[in-house]
Amino acid sequence: MNETKVTWKVLNLKRQIESGYVYSVDFGIYGSNNFHTHQMTASLGLEKPDNLVPYKELDETTILKWIQDKLNAENAKDNVRNPSSADLENQMKGIIQEKTQPTLGDGVPWQ
């Protein structure tokens, strides 16, 4: 079986230096199987929480949870324009599947 593996990575954090408030996250979603890879990147704004986690205490797992929680909350409000984290993972799996076993093509039949 050639299963697609999907991973999430935090690429960059934008913050207010004085408070440490992270107001924007650049992140990537990566898909791969034994034959193909694909990546999607995006930025997501974050609201300022009531209780800030000190910047030096943040880790990637925490930030990824924030990203996925926000995506899922936005999806609950408007699922047409805002994909959930599961939707993005399924989209990535579909892209890798199409690369592995194409159903679409382009070009012309002559040389």
Protein backbone atom coordinates (compact mmCIF):
# COMPACT_ATOMS: atom_id res chain seq x y z
CA MET A 1 0.00 0.00 0.00
CA ASN A 2 1.29 3.46 -0.92
CA GLU A 3 -0.33 5.59 1.76
CA THR A 4 -0.01 9.36 1.76
CA LYS A 5 1.58 10.87 4.83
CA VAL A 6 0.47 14.41 5.71
CA THR A 7 2.51 16.60 8.05
CA TRP A 8 2.06 20.15 9.32
CA LYS A 9 4.96 22.53 10.02
CA VAL A 10 5.18 26.01 11.49
CA LEU A 11 7.34 28.10 9.16
CA ASN A 12 7.37 31.50 10.87
CA LEU A 13 5.74 33.46 13.68
CA LYS A 14 5.01 37.19 13.60
CA ARG A 15 4.79 38.75 17.06
CA GLN A 16 4.78 41.92 19.07
CA ILE A 17 8.21 42.04 20.65
CA GLU A 18 7.22 43.70 23.93
CA SER A 19 4.30 41.41 24.81
CA GLY A 20 5.31 38.29 22.85
CA TYR A 21 1.80 38.14 21.33
CA VAL A 22 1.93 36.00 18.18
CA TYR A 23 -0.52 37.62 15.77
CA SER A 24 0.27 35.66 12.60
CA VAL A 25 1.58 32.20 11.73
CA ASP A 26 3.02 31.03 8.42
CA PHE A 27 2.56 27.29 8.09
CA GLY A 28 2.93 24.47 5.61
CA ILE A 29 1.07 21.25 4.96
CA TYR A 30 3.17 18.58 3.30
CA GLY A 31 2.01 15.40 1.62
CA SER A 32 4.13 12.51 0.39
CA ASN A 33 4.04 8.88 -0.55
CA ASN A 34 6.77 6.65 -1.98
CA PHE A 35 6.60 8.44 -5.34
CA HIS A 36 5.32 12.01 -5.01
CA THR A 37 5.35 15.05 -2.77
CA HIS A 38 3.32 18.24 -2.60
CA GLN A 39 3.21 21.24 -0.30
CA MET A 40 0.74 24.00 0.49
CA THR A 41 1.65 27.06 2.51
CA ALA A 42 -0.51 29.74 4.09
CA SER A 43 -0.63 32.46 6.72
CA LEU A 44 -3.21 32.69 9.46
CA GLY A 45 -3.95 35.62 11.76
CA LEU A 46 -4.50 34.92 15.45
CA GLU A 47 -6.58 36.89 17.94
CA LYS A 48 -4.88 38.03 21.13
CA PRO A 49 -5.81 35.62 23.92
CA ASP A 50 -6.72 36.71 27.45
CA ASN A 51 -3.75 34.78 28.83
CA LEU A 52 -0.60 34.96 26.73
CA VAL A 53 1.77 32.02 26.74
CA PRO A 54 5.27 33.49 27.08
CA TYR A 55 6.92 33.55 23.66
CA LYS A 56 9.96 31.54 24.83
CA GLU A 57 7.63 28.80 26.13
CA LEU A 58 5.85 28.25 22.81
CA ASP A 59 6.47 25.07 20.86
CA GLU A 60 5.44 23.80 17.46
CA THR A 61 2.82 21.42 18.86
CA THR A 62 1.03 24.30 20.61
CA ILE A 63 1.11 26.54 17.54
CA LEU A 64 -0.16 23.74 15.27
CA LYS A 65 -3.07 23.19 17.66
CA TRP A 66 -3.87 26.91 17.49
CA ILE A 67 -3.80 26.78 13.68
CA GLN A 68 -6.04 23.72 13.45
CA ASP A 69 -8.44 25.02 16.11
CA LYS A 70 -8.80 28.34 14.26
CA LEU A 71 -9.28 26.64 10.88
CA ASN A 72 -11.97 24.39 12.35
CA ALA A 73 -13.72 27.32 14.09
CA GLU A 74 -13.76 29.34 10.84
CA ASN A 75 -15.05 26.27 8.99
CA ALA A 76 -17.90 25.93 11.47
CA LYS A 77 -18.94 29.53 10.66
CA ASP A 78 -18.63 29.20 6.86
CA ASN A 79 -17.69 25.81 5.44
CA VAL A 80 -17.93 27.02 1.84
CA ARG A 81 -15.05 29.50 2.05
CA ASN A 82 -13.13 28.14 5.04
CA PRO A 83 -11.76 24.59 4.86
CA SER A 84 -11.28 22.67 8.10
CA SER A 85 -7.93 21.11 8.96
CA ALA A 86 -9.37 17.72 7.91
CA ASP A 87 -10.52 19.23 4.59
CA LEU A 88 -6.97 20.46 3.92
CA GLU A 89 -5.49 17.07 4.77
CA ASN A 90 -8.01 15.35 2.47
CA GLN A 91 -7.23 17.85 -0.28
CA MET A 92 -3.52 17.06 0.10
CA LYS A 93 -4.23 13.32 -0.07
CA GLY A 94 -6.29 13.90 -3.23
CA ILE A 95 -3.46 15.84 -4.87
CA ILE A 96 -0.94 13.09 -4.09
CA GLN A 97 -3.42 10.44 -5.33
CA GLU A 98 -3.89 12.36 -8.60
CA LYS A 99 -0.12 12.61 -9.06
CA THR A 100 0.25 8.88 -8.36
CA GLN A 101 -2.66 7.68 -10.51
CA PRO A 102 -3.60 10.55 -12.85
CA THR A 103 -7.18 10.86 -14.05
CA LEU A 104 -6.62 14.15 -15.89
CA GLY A 105 -4.15 15.15 -18.58
CA ASP A 106 -3.28 17.98 -20.92
CA GLY A 107 -1.48 18.49 -24.21
CA VAL A 108 -2.21 17.81 -27.85
CA PRO A 109 -2.21 14.45 -29.67
CA TRP A 110 0.18 15.56 -32.43
CA GLN A 111 3.85 16.50 -32.48
